[in-house]
Amino acid sequence: MAEAENRQADYLLDITKDRCPMTFVKTRLMLDKMQSGDTLHVRLKGEEPLKNVPRSAKELGHVVADPTLDANGTASIVIEKV
């Protein structure tokens, strides 16, 4: 996964204005459209989405990088579809 973190992701999904459960619903819909090996950069905001989106993606078998936080509290995660 380190390789995926060091390059630009194949897809970008901004769910910073969404709330659970829609945060993972939108993430799941995007992952379903992707090919195996593609990466998705997800921008999200809030404690609940930051906990639930990575956990749910991992439960589906995808590889999830550790989140990064910016100064305004927006988190970014990269998910590699398996």
PDB file of N, CA and C in Angstrom:
ATOM      1  N   MET A   1       0.817  -1.200   0.000  1.00  0.00           N
ATOM      2  CA  MET A   1       0.000   0.000   0.000  1.00  0.00           C
ATOM      3  C   MET A   1       0.855   1.256   0.000  1.00  0.00           C
ATOM      4  N   ALA A   2       2.068   1.185   0.471  1.00  0.00           N
ATOM      5  CA  ALA A   2       2.926   2.365   0.495  1.00  0.00           C
ATOM      6  C   ALA A   2       3.076   2.956  -0.893  1.00  0.00           C
ATOM      7  N   GLU A   3       3.121   2.085  -1.897  1.00  0.00           N
ATOM      8  CA  GLU A   3       3.220   2.563  -3.263  1.00  0.00           C
ATOM      9  C   GLU A   3       2.008   3.417  -3.630  1.00  0.00           C
ATOM     10  N   ALA A   4       0.813   2.975  -3.249  1.00  0.00           N
ATOM     11  CA  ALA A   4      -0.410   3.709  -3.567  1.00  0.00           C
ATOM     12  C   ALA A   4      -0.429   5.066  -2.863  1.00  0.00           C
ATOM     13  N   GLU A   5       0.140   5.130  -1.668  1.00  0.00           N
ATOM     14  CA  GLU A   5       0.163   6.382  -0.925  1.00  0.00           C
ATOM     15  C   GLU A   5       1.070   7.412  -1.586  1.00  0.00           C
ATOM     16  N   ASN A   6       2.083   6.962  -2.303  1.00  0.00           N
ATOM     17  CA  ASN A   6       3.065   7.860  -2.886  1.00  0.00           C
ATOM     18  C   ASN A   6       2.714   8.325  -4.293  1.00  0.00           C
ATOM     19  N   ARG A   7       1.618   7.868  -4.835  1.00  0.00           N
ATOM     20  CA  ARG A   7       1.201   8.311  -6.159  1.00  0.00           C
ATOM     21  C   ARG A   7      -0.214   8.857  -6.073  1.00  0.00           C
ATOM     22  N   GLN A   8      -0.607   9.533  -7.126  1.00  0.00           N
ATOM     23  CA  GLN A   8      -1.958  10.076  -7.160  1.00  0.00           C
ATOM     24  C   GLN A   8      -2.951   8.924  -7.292  1.00  0.00           C
ATOM     25  N   ALA A   9      -4.052   8.989  -6.546  1.00  0.00           N
ATOM     26  CA  ALA A   9      -5.070   7.945  -6.600  1.00  0.00           C
ATOM     27  C   ALA A   9      -5.788   7.992  -7.947  1.00  0.00           C
ATOM     28  N   ASP A  10      -6.362   6.861  -8.322  1.00  0.00           N
ATOM     29  CA  ASP A  10      -7.102   6.767  -9.579  1.00  0.00           C
ATOM     30  C   ASP A  10      -8.426   7.527  -9.512  1.00  0.00           C
ATOM     31  N   TYR A  11      -9.024   7.583  -8.331  1.00  0.00           N
ATOM     32  CA  TYR A  11     -10.325   8.226  -8.141  1.00  0.00           C
ATOM     33  C   TYR A  11     -10.296   9.097  -6.894  1.00  0.00           C
ATOM     34  N   LEU A  12     -11.137  10.115  -6.877  1.00  0.00           N
ATOM     35  CA  LEU A  12     -11.271  11.004  -5.726  1.00  0.00           C
ATOM     36  C   LEU A  12     -12.738  11.080  -5.342  1.00  0.00           C
ATOM     37  N   LEU A  13     -13.012  10.954  -4.043  1.00  0.00           N
ATOM     38  CA  LEU A  13     -14.371  11.057  -3.532  1.00  0.00           C
ATOM     39  C   LEU A  13     -14.358  12.001  -2.340  1.00  0.00           C
ATOM     40  N   ASP A  14     -15.107  13.079  -2.432  1.00  0.00           N
ATOM     41  CA  ASP A  14     -15.203  14.047  -1.340  1.00  0.00           C
ATOM     42  C   ASP A  14     -16.551  13.865  -0.653  1.00  0.00           C
ATOM     43  N   ILE A  15     -16.511  13.344   0.562  1.00  0.00           N
ATOM     44  CA  ILE A  15     -17.741  13.129   1.334  1.00  0.00           C
ATOM     45  C   ILE A  15     -17.722  13.965   2.616  1.00  0.00           C
ATOM     46  N   THR A  16     -17.026  15.079   2.562  1.00  0.00           N
ATOM     47  CA  THR A  16     -16.879  15.927   3.752  1.00  0.00           C
ATOM     48  C   THR A  16     -18.207  16.524   4.212  1.00  0.00           C
ATOM     49  N   LYS A  17     -19.170  16.660   3.323  1.00  0.00           N
ATOM     50  CA  LYS A  17     -20.459  17.251   3.701  1.00  0.00           C
ATOM     51  C   LYS A  17     -21.503  16.200   4.042  1.00  0.00           C
ATOM     52  N   ASP A  18     -21.155  14.926   3.913  1.00  0.00           N
ATOM     53  CA  ASP A  18     -22.089  13.830   4.171  1.00  0.00           C
ATOM     54  C   ASP A  18     -21.936  13.304   5.591  1.00  0.00           C
ATOM     55  N   ARG A  19     -22.976  12.662   6.062  1.00  0.00           N
ATOM     56  CA  ARG A  19     -22.993  12.054   7.394  1.00  0.00           C
ATOM     57  C   ARG A  19     -23.254  10.562   7.266  1.00  0.00           C
ATOM     58  N   CYS A  20     -22.842   9.808   8.268  1.00  0.00           N
ATOM     59  CA  CYS A  20     -23.093   8.372   8.298  1.00  0.00           C
ATOM     60  C   CYS A  20     -24.605   8.141   8.315  1.00  0.00           C
ATOM     61  N   PRO A  21     -25.091   7.143   7.651  1.00  0.00           N
ATOM     62  CA  PRO A  21     -24.371   6.082   6.935  1.00  0.00           C
ATOM     63  C   PRO A  21     -24.056   6.426   5.484  1.00  0.00           C
ATOM     64  N   MET A  22     -24.441   7.605   5.011  1.00  0.00           N
ATOM     65  CA  MET A  22     -24.223   7.959   3.605  1.00  0.00           C
ATOM     66  C   MET A  22     -22.740   8.016   3.249  1.00  0.00           C
ATOM     67  N   THR A  23     -21.877   8.273   4.224  1.00  0.00           N
ATOM     68  CA  THR A  23     -20.449   8.342   3.913  1.00  0.00           C
ATOM     69  C   THR A  23     -19.961   7.014   3.345  1.00  0.00           C
ATOM     70  N   PHE A  24     -20.327   5.909   3.990  1.00  0.00           N
ATOM     71  CA  PHE A  24     -19.861   4.635   3.445  1.00  0.00           C
ATOM     72  C   PHE A  24     -20.698   4.185   2.266  1.00  0.00           C
ATOM     73  N   VAL A  25     -21.963   4.537   2.212  1.00  0.00           N
ATOM     74  CA  VAL A  25     -22.782   4.177   1.047  1.00  0.00           C
ATOM     75  C   VAL A  25     -22.146   4.750  -0.215  1.00  0.00           C
ATOM     76  N   LYS A  26     -21.766   6.018  -0.186  1.00  0.00           N
ATOM     77  CA  LYS A  26     -21.141   6.655  -1.352  1.00  0.00           C
ATOM     78  C   LYS A  26     -19.773   6.036  -1.650  1.00  0.00           C
ATOM     79  N   THR A  27     -19.016   5.714  -0.585  1.00  0.00           N
ATOM     80  CA  THR A  27     -17.714   5.072  -0.775  1.00  0.00           C
ATOM     81  C   THR A  27     -17.893   3.708  -1.415  1.00  0.00           C
ATOM     82  N   ARG A  28     -18.842   2.937  -0.931  1.00  0.00           N
ATOM     83  CA  ARG A  28     -19.102   1.591  -1.460  1.00  0.00           C
ATOM     84  C   ARG A  28     -19.532   1.652  -2.922  1.00  0.00           C
ATOM     85  N   LEU A  29     -20.405   2.599  -3.265  1.00  0.00           N
ATOM     86  CA  LEU A  29     -20.838   2.730  -4.656  1.00  0.00           C
ATOM     87  C   LEU A  29     -19.663   3.031  -5.575  1.00  0.00           C
ATOM     88  N   MET A  30     -18.752   3.888  -5.114  1.00  0.00           N
ATOM     89  CA  MET A  30     -17.573   4.204  -5.916  1.00  0.00           C
ATOM     90  C   MET A  30     -16.666   2.982  -6.043  1.00  0.00           C
ATOM     91  N   LEU A  31     -16.431   2.274  -4.941  1.00  0.00           N
ATOM     92  CA  LEU A  31     -15.586   1.081  -4.984  1.00  0.00           C
ATOM     93  C   LEU A  31     -16.164   0.026  -5.925  1.00  0.00           C
ATOM     94  N   ASP A  32     -17.491  -0.099  -5.951  1.00  0.00           N
ATOM     95  CA  ASP A  32     -18.136  -1.084  -6.820  1.00  0.00           C
ATOM     96  C   ASP A  32     -17.894  -0.787  -8.296  1.00  0.00           C
ATOM     97  N   LYS A  33     -17.677   0.472  -8.654  1.00  0.00           N
ATOM     98  CA  LYS A  33     -17.442   0.870 -10.044  1.00  0.00           C
ATOM     99  C   LYS A  33     -15.980   0.677 -10.463  1.00  0.00           C
ATOM    100  N   MET A  34     -15.100   0.516  -9.484  1.00  0.00           N
ATOM    101  CA  MET A  34     -13.660   0.472  -9.751  1.00  0.00           C
ATOM    102  C   MET A  34     -13.191  -0.942 -10.091  1.00  0.00           C
ATOM    103  N   GLN A  35     -12.012  -1.018 -10.718  1.00  0.00           N
ATOM    104  CA  GLN A  35     -11.372  -2.295 -11.028  1.00  0.00           C
ATOM    105  C   GLN A  35     -10.427  -2.674  -9.881  1.00  0.00           C
ATOM    106  N   SER A  36     -10.168  -3.948  -9.737  1.00  0.00           N
ATOM    107  CA  SER A  36      -9.217  -4.431  -8.742  1.00  0.00           C
ATOM    108  C   SER A  36      -7.857  -3.772  -8.987  1.00  0.00           C
ATOM    109  N   GLY A  37      -7.238  -3.266  -7.931  1.00  0.00           N
ATOM    110  CA  GLY A  37      -5.951  -2.592  -8.023  1.00  0.00           C
ATOM    111  C   GLY A  37      -6.062  -1.078  -8.121  1.00  0.00           C
ATOM    112  N   ASP A  38      -7.252  -0.566  -8.453  1.00  0.00           N
ATOM    113  CA  ASP A  38      -7.458   0.882  -8.493  1.00  0.00           C
ATOM    114  C   ASP A  38      -7.450   1.442  -7.081  1.00  0.00           C
ATOM    115  N   THR A  39      -7.084   2.723  -6.962  1.00  0.00           N
ATOM    116  CA  THR A  39      -7.066   3.372  -5.657  1.00  0.00           C
ATOM    117  C   THR A  39      -8.065   4.515  -5.613  1.00  0.00           C
ATOM    118  N   LEU A  40      -8.627   4.711  -4.438  1.00  0.00           N
ATOM    119  CA  LEU A  40      -9.621   5.745  -4.197  1.00  0.00           C
ATOM    120  C   LEU A  40      -9.147   6.634  -3.057  1.00  0.00           C
ATOM    121  N   HIS A  41      -9.034   7.922  -3.321  1.00  0.00           N
ATOM    122  CA  HIS A  41      -8.698   8.913  -2.298  1.00  0.00           C
ATOM    123  C   HIS A  41     -10.021   9.457  -1.775  1.00  0.00           C
ATOM    124  N   VAL A  42     -10.282   9.228  -0.498  1.00  0.00           N
ATOM    125  CA  VAL A  42     -11.533   9.674   0.118  1.00  0.00           C
ATOM    126  C   VAL A  42     -11.234  10.809   1.081  1.00  0.00           C
ATOM    127  N   ARG A  43     -11.926  11.931   0.899  1.00  0.00           N
ATOM    128  CA  ARG A  43     -11.843  13.064   1.834  1.00  0.00           C
ATOM    129  C   ARG A  43     -13.105  13.022   2.675  1.00  0.00           C
ATOM    130  N   LEU A  44     -12.941  13.059   4.002  1.00  0.00           N
ATOM    131  CA  LEU A  44     -14.093  12.994   4.896  1.00  0.00           C
ATOM    132  C   LEU A  44     -13.862  13.860   6.116  1.00  0.00           C
ATOM    133  N   LYS A  45     -14.933  14.098   6.835  1.00  0.00           N
ATOM    134  CA  LYS A  45     -14.839  14.975   8.000  1.00  0.00           C
ATOM    135  C   LYS A  45     -15.719  14.423   9.106  1.00  0.00           C
ATOM    136  N   GLY A  46     -15.200  14.442  10.316  1.00  0.00           N
ATOM    137  CA  GLY A  46     -15.964  13.995  11.470  1.00  0.00           C
ATOM    138  C   GLY A  46     -15.445  12.686  12.022  1.00  0.00           C
ATOM    139  N   GLU A  47     -15.647  12.523  13.316  1.00  0.00           N
ATOM    140  CA  GLU A  47     -15.133  11.348  14.009  1.00  0.00           C
ATOM    141  C   GLU A  47     -15.792  10.049  13.548  1.00  0.00           C
ATOM    142  N   GLU A  48     -17.108  10.073  13.396  1.00  0.00           N
ATOM    143  CA  GLU A  48     -17.824   8.851  13.015  1.00  0.00           C
ATOM    144  C   GLU A  48     -17.443   8.357  11.614  1.00  0.00           C
ATOM    145  N   PRO A  49     -17.448   9.214  10.584  1.00  0.00           N
ATOM    146  CA  PRO A  49     -17.008   8.729   9.274  1.00  0.00           C
ATOM    147  C   PRO A  49     -15.550   8.272   9.266  1.00  0.00           C
ATOM    148  N   LEU A  50     -14.701   8.949  10.019  1.00  0.00           N
ATOM    149  CA  LEU A  50     -13.293   8.579  10.067  1.00  0.00           C
ATOM    150  C   LEU A  50     -13.101   7.196  10.684  1.00  0.00           C
ATOM    151  N   LYS A  51     -13.988   6.817  11.568  1.00  0.00           N
ATOM    152  CA  LYS A  51     -13.933   5.492  12.177  1.00  0.00           C
ATOM    153  C   LYS A  51     -14.593   4.445  11.274  1.00  0.00           C
ATOM    154  N   ASN A  52     -15.766   4.777  10.732  1.00  0.00           N
ATOM    155  CA  ASN A  52     -16.580   3.788  10.028  1.00  0.00           C
ATOM    156  C   ASN A  52     -16.153   3.486   8.596  1.00  0.00           C
ATOM    157  N   VAL A  53     -15.750   4.493   7.843  1.00  0.00           N
ATOM    158  CA  VAL A  53     -15.405   4.256   6.439  1.00  0.00           C
ATOM    159  C   VAL A  53     -14.196   3.327   6.306  1.00  0.00           C
ATOM    160  N   PRO A  54     -13.076   3.607   6.978  1.00  0.00           N
ATOM    161  CA  PRO A  54     -11.942   2.676   6.860  1.00  0.00           C
ATOM    162  C   PRO A  54     -12.264   1.272   7.377  1.00  0.00           C
ATOM    163  N   ARG A  55     -12.980   1.201   8.493  1.00  0.00           N
ATOM    164  CA  ARG A  55     -13.335  -0.101   9.075  1.00  0.00           C
ATOM    165  C   ARG A  55     -14.180  -0.915   8.105  1.00  0.00           C
ATOM    166  N   SER A  56     -15.189  -0.285   7.528  1.00  0.00           N
ATOM    167  CA  SER A  56     -16.077  -0.982   6.597  1.00  0.00           C
ATOM    168  C   SER A  56     -15.336  -1.412   5.330  1.00  0.00           C
ATOM    169  N   ALA A  57     -14.447  -0.568   4.821  1.00  0.00           N
ATOM    170  CA  ALA A  57     -13.673  -0.928   3.633  1.00  0.00           C
ATOM    171  C   ALA A  57     -12.764  -2.122   3.924  1.00  0.00           C
ATOM    172  N   LYS A  58     -12.147  -2.128   5.097  1.00  0.00           N
ATOM    173  CA  LYS A  58     -11.292  -3.257   5.478  1.00  0.00           C
ATOM    174  C   LYS A  58     -12.114  -4.533   5.605  1.00  0.00           C
ATOM    175  N   GLU A  59     -13.325  -4.430   6.165  1.00  0.00           N
ATOM    176  CA  GLU A  59     -14.186  -5.600   6.312  1.00  0.00           C
ATOM    177  C   GLU A  59     -14.564  -6.197   4.963  1.00  0.00           C
ATOM    178  N   LEU A  60     -14.599  -5.371   3.924  1.00  0.00           N
ATOM    179  CA  LEU A  60     -14.884  -5.853   2.569  1.00  0.00           C
ATOM    180  C   LEU A  60     -13.641  -6.428   1.897  1.00  0.00           C
ATOM    181  N   GLY A  61     -12.488  -6.338   2.575  1.00  0.00           N
ATOM    182  CA  GLY A  61     -11.260  -6.930   2.067  1.00  0.00           C
ATOM    183  C   GLY A  61     -10.329  -5.974   1.351  1.00  0.00           C
ATOM    184  N   HIS A  62     -10.669  -4.684   1.318  1.00  0.00           N
ATOM    185  CA  HIS A  62      -9.830  -3.708   0.644  1.00  0.00           C
ATOM    186  C   HIS A  62      -8.667  -3.289   1.552  1.00  0.00           C
ATOM    187  N   VAL A  63      -7.628  -2.736   0.946  1.00  0.00           N
ATOM    188  CA  VAL A  63      -6.457  -2.274   1.684  1.00  0.00           C
ATOM    189  C   VAL A  63      -6.636  -0.785   1.946  1.00  0.00           C
ATOM    190  N   VAL A  64      -6.525  -0.390   3.211  1.00  0.00           N
ATOM    191  CA  VAL A  64      -6.774   0.995   3.609  1.00  0.00           C
ATOM    192  C   VAL A  64      -5.527   1.568   4.267  1.00  0.00           C
ATOM    193  N   ALA A  65      -5.064   2.696   3.736  1.00  0.00           N
ATOM    194  CA  ALA A  65      -3.903   3.380   4.316  1.00  0.00           C
ATOM    195  C   ALA A  65      -4.325   4.133   5.576  1.00  0.00           C
ATOM    196  N   ASP A  66      -3.377   4.422   6.429  1.00  0.00           N
ATOM    197  CA  ASP A  66      -3.653   5.224   7.615  1.00  0.00           C
ATOM    198  C   ASP A  66      -4.143   6.607   7.186  1.00  0.00           C
ATOM    199  N   PRO A  67      -5.127   7.143   7.899  1.00  0.00           N
ATOM    200  CA  PRO A  67      -5.641   8.465   7.525  1.00  0.00           C
ATOM    201  C   PRO A  67      -4.641   9.578   7.809  1.00  0.00           C
ATOM    202  N   THR A  68      -4.758  10.643   7.051  1.00  0.00           N
ATOM    203  CA  THR A  68      -4.004  11.859   7.321  1.00  0.00           C
ATOM    204  C   THR A  68      -5.010  12.966   7.584  1.00  0.00           C
ATOM    205  N   LEU A  69      -4.654  13.886   8.475  1.00  0.00           N
ATOM    206  CA  LEU A  69      -5.532  14.999   8.824  1.00  0.00           C
ATOM    207  C   LEU A  69      -4.891  16.305   8.404  1.00  0.00           C
ATOM    208  N   ASP A  70      -5.714  17.225   7.871  1.00  0.00           N
ATOM    209  CA  ASP A  70      -5.175  18.540   7.556  1.00  0.00           C
ATOM    210  C   ASP A  70      -5.563  19.523   8.666  1.00  0.00           C
ATOM    211  N   ALA A  71      -5.149  20.756   8.538  1.00  0.00           N
ATOM    212  CA  ALA A  71      -5.327  21.762   9.588  1.00  0.00           C
ATOM    213  C   ALA A  71      -6.786  22.072   9.899  1.00  0.00           C
ATOM    214  N   ASN A  72      -7.684  21.921   8.927  1.00  0.00           N
ATOM    215  CA  ASN A  72      -9.090  22.249   9.193  1.00  0.00           C
ATOM    216  C   ASN A  72      -9.916  21.044   9.626  1.00  0.00           C
ATOM    217  N   GLY A  73      -9.271  19.911   9.899  1.00  0.00           N
ATOM    218  CA  GLY A  73      -9.976  18.743  10.420  1.00  0.00           C
ATOM    219  C   GLY A  73     -10.491  17.789   9.367  1.00  0.00           C
ATOM    220  N   THR A  74     -10.134  18.017   8.124  1.00  0.00           N
ATOM    221  CA  THR A  74     -10.536  17.098   7.057  1.00  0.00           C
ATOM    222  C   THR A  74      -9.527  15.957   6.999  1.00  0.00           C
ATOM    223  N   ALA A  75     -10.055  14.736   6.948  1.00  0.00           N
ATOM    224  CA  ALA A  75      -9.204  13.566   6.874  1.00  0.00           C
ATOM    225  C   ALA A  75      -9.169  13.033   5.446  1.00  0.00           C
ATOM    226  N   SER A  76      -8.082  12.391   5.099  1.00  0.00           N
ATOM    227  CA  SER A  76      -7.933  11.747   3.803  1.00  0.00           C
ATOM    228  C   SER A  76      -7.476  10.321   4.024  1.00  0.00           C
ATOM    229  N   ILE A  77      -8.102   9.403   3.301  1.00  0.00           N
ATOM    230  CA  ILE A  77      -7.657   8.015   3.316  1.00  0.00           C
ATOM    231  C   ILE A  77      -7.554   7.539   1.870  1.00  0.00           C
ATOM    232  N   VAL A  78      -6.674   6.591   1.649  1.00  0.00           N
ATOM    233  CA  VAL A  78      -6.540   5.967   0.344  1.00  0.00           C
ATOM    234  C   VAL A  78      -6.929   4.505   0.512  1.00  0.00           C
ATOM    235  N   ILE A  79      -7.851   4.075  -0.348  1.00  0.00           N
ATOM    236  CA  ILE A  79      -8.317   2.697  -0.331  1.00  0.00           C
ATOM    237  C   ILE A  79      -7.915   2.050  -1.644  1.00  0.00           C
ATOM    238  N   GLU A  80      -7.270   0.899  -1.561  1.00  0.00           N
ATOM    239  CA  GLU A  80      -6.939   0.131  -2.752  1.00  0.00           C
ATOM    240  C   GLU A  80      -7.950  -0.997  -2.875  1.00  0.00           C
ATOM    241  N   LYS A  81      -8.654  -1.038  -4.011  1.00  0.00           N
ATOM    242  CA  LYS A  81      -9.651  -2.087  -4.215  1.00  0.00           C
ATOM    243  C   LYS A  81      -8.955  -3.408  -4.478  1.00  0.00           C
ATOM    244  N   VAL A  82      -9.401  -4.424  -3.786  1.00  0.00           N
ATOM    245  CA  VAL A  82      -8.833  -5.774  -3.948  1.00  0.00           C
ATOM    246  C   VAL A  82      -9.753  -6.592  -4.839  1.00  0.00           C
TER     247      VAL A  82
END
